[in-house]
Amino acid sequence: MTDDVCDLCKGAGTWNGNPCVYCNGTGEWNQAAQSYVKNHICQCITLDRKFCPVCNKPCHHDTSLSPKQTIDSGHGGMSVPEIPM
């Protein structure tokens, strides 16, 4: 990608038929869009569950047509509650 266009909308100013939220429709490069594209969560669930609409790469999940979701047990990422001694 070039340094003078928005990484999300590729300089078009629109993304998925709406004004780009990162460049406000200007199509100009900005660090927020670059960071989002670089570290985004796979958005394949919004389309066909085969390709991510953000980066146009195959689904980032391990299984095709069945994206995995992590459900927190409520213990802050631990499988059991921490018991203080």
Protein backbone atom coordinates (compact mmCIF):
# COMPACT_ATOMS: atom_id res chain seq x y z
CA MET A 1 0.00 0.00 0.00
CA THR A 2 1.20 3.47 -0.68
CA ASP A 3 1.83 5.98 2.05
CA ASP A 4 -0.54 8.65 0.72
CA VAL A 5 -3.86 6.74 0.72
CA CYS A 6 -6.02 5.35 3.50
CA ASP A 7 -5.18 1.69 4.16
CA LEU A 8 -8.82 0.73 4.77
CA CYS A 9 -10.60 2.32 1.78
CA LYS A 10 -7.51 2.31 -0.48
CA GLY A 11 -8.01 6.02 -1.21
CA ALA A 12 -11.61 5.71 -2.43
CA GLY A 13 -13.09 7.56 0.54
CA THR A 14 -15.81 4.92 0.91
CA TRP A 15 -15.80 1.43 2.35
CA ASN A 16 -18.71 -1.01 1.93
CA GLY A 17 -20.83 1.77 0.45
CA ASN A 18 -20.36 4.17 3.36
CA PRO A 19 -17.91 7.02 3.94
CA CYS A 20 -14.68 5.64 5.40
CA VAL A 21 -14.68 6.20 9.17
CA TYR A 22 -10.90 6.46 9.35
CA CYS A 23 -10.21 9.13 6.71
CA ASN A 24 -13.67 10.79 6.89
CA GLY A 25 -14.14 10.20 3.18
CA THR A 26 -10.98 12.02 2.11
CA GLY A 27 -9.05 8.89 1.14
CA GLU A 28 -5.91 10.29 2.78
CA TRP A 29 -3.45 8.13 4.72
CA ASN A 30 -3.75 8.04 8.51
CA GLN A 31 -2.13 5.99 11.21
CA ALA A 32 -5.43 4.77 12.71
CA ALA A 33 -6.46 3.01 9.50
CA GLN A 34 -3.00 1.56 9.05
CA SER A 35 -3.01 0.16 12.59
CA TYR A 36 -6.52 -1.24 12.20
CA VAL A 37 -5.72 -3.08 8.97
CA LYS A 38 -2.50 -4.43 10.44
CA ASN A 39 -4.14 -5.75 13.66
CA HIS A 40 -7.81 -6.23 12.78
CA ILE A 41 -10.13 -8.99 13.91
CA CYS A 42 -11.27 -11.12 10.97
CA GLN A 43 -14.54 -9.73 9.60
CA CYS A 44 -15.42 -12.74 7.42
CA ILE A 45 -18.67 -13.18 9.34
CA THR A 46 -20.03 -10.02 7.67
CA LEU A 47 -19.74 -11.57 4.19
CA ASP A 48 -19.38 -15.19 3.13
CA ARG A 49 -17.22 -16.51 6.00
CA LYS A 50 -14.51 -17.30 3.47
CA PHE A 51 -12.76 -13.95 2.94
CA CYS A 52 -12.12 -11.01 5.24
CA PRO A 53 -13.52 -7.78 3.71
CA VAL A 54 -10.87 -5.69 5.49
CA CYS A 55 -7.75 -7.30 4.00
CA ASN A 56 -9.33 -9.49 1.25
CA LYS A 57 -7.40 -12.51 2.53
CA PRO A 58 -8.87 -15.95 3.24
CA CYS A 59 -10.63 -16.27 6.58
CA HIS A 60 -8.22 -15.97 9.51
CA HIS A 61 -10.02 -18.66 11.51
CA ASP A 62 -8.89 -22.27 11.76
CA THR A 63 -12.01 -23.85 10.26
CA SER A 64 -13.74 -22.80 7.06
CA LEU A 65 -17.35 -21.64 7.27
CA SER A 66 -17.26 -21.90 11.06
CA PRO A 67 -15.37 -19.01 12.69
CA LYS A 68 -14.34 -19.76 16.24
CA GLN A 69 -15.35 -17.46 19.04
CA THR A 70 -13.61 -17.25 22.39
CA ILE A 71 -16.03 -17.03 25.27
CA ASP A 72 -14.59 -15.74 28.53
CA SER A 73 -15.66 -17.78 31.54
CA GLY A 74 -15.83 -14.65 33.64
CA HIS A 75 -12.54 -15.32 35.42
CA GLY A 76 -10.43 -12.87 33.44
CA GLY A 77 -9.04 -15.39 30.98
CA MET A 78 -8.29 -18.07 33.55
CA SER A 79 -10.19 -21.36 33.46
CA VAL A 80 -10.90 -21.28 37.19
CA PRO A 81 -11.21 -18.43 39.66
CA GLU A 82 -8.03 -17.47 41.46
CA ILE A 83 -8.19 -18.38 45.13
CA PRO A 84 -6.02 -16.10 47.30
CA MET A 85 -3.97 -17.89 49.95
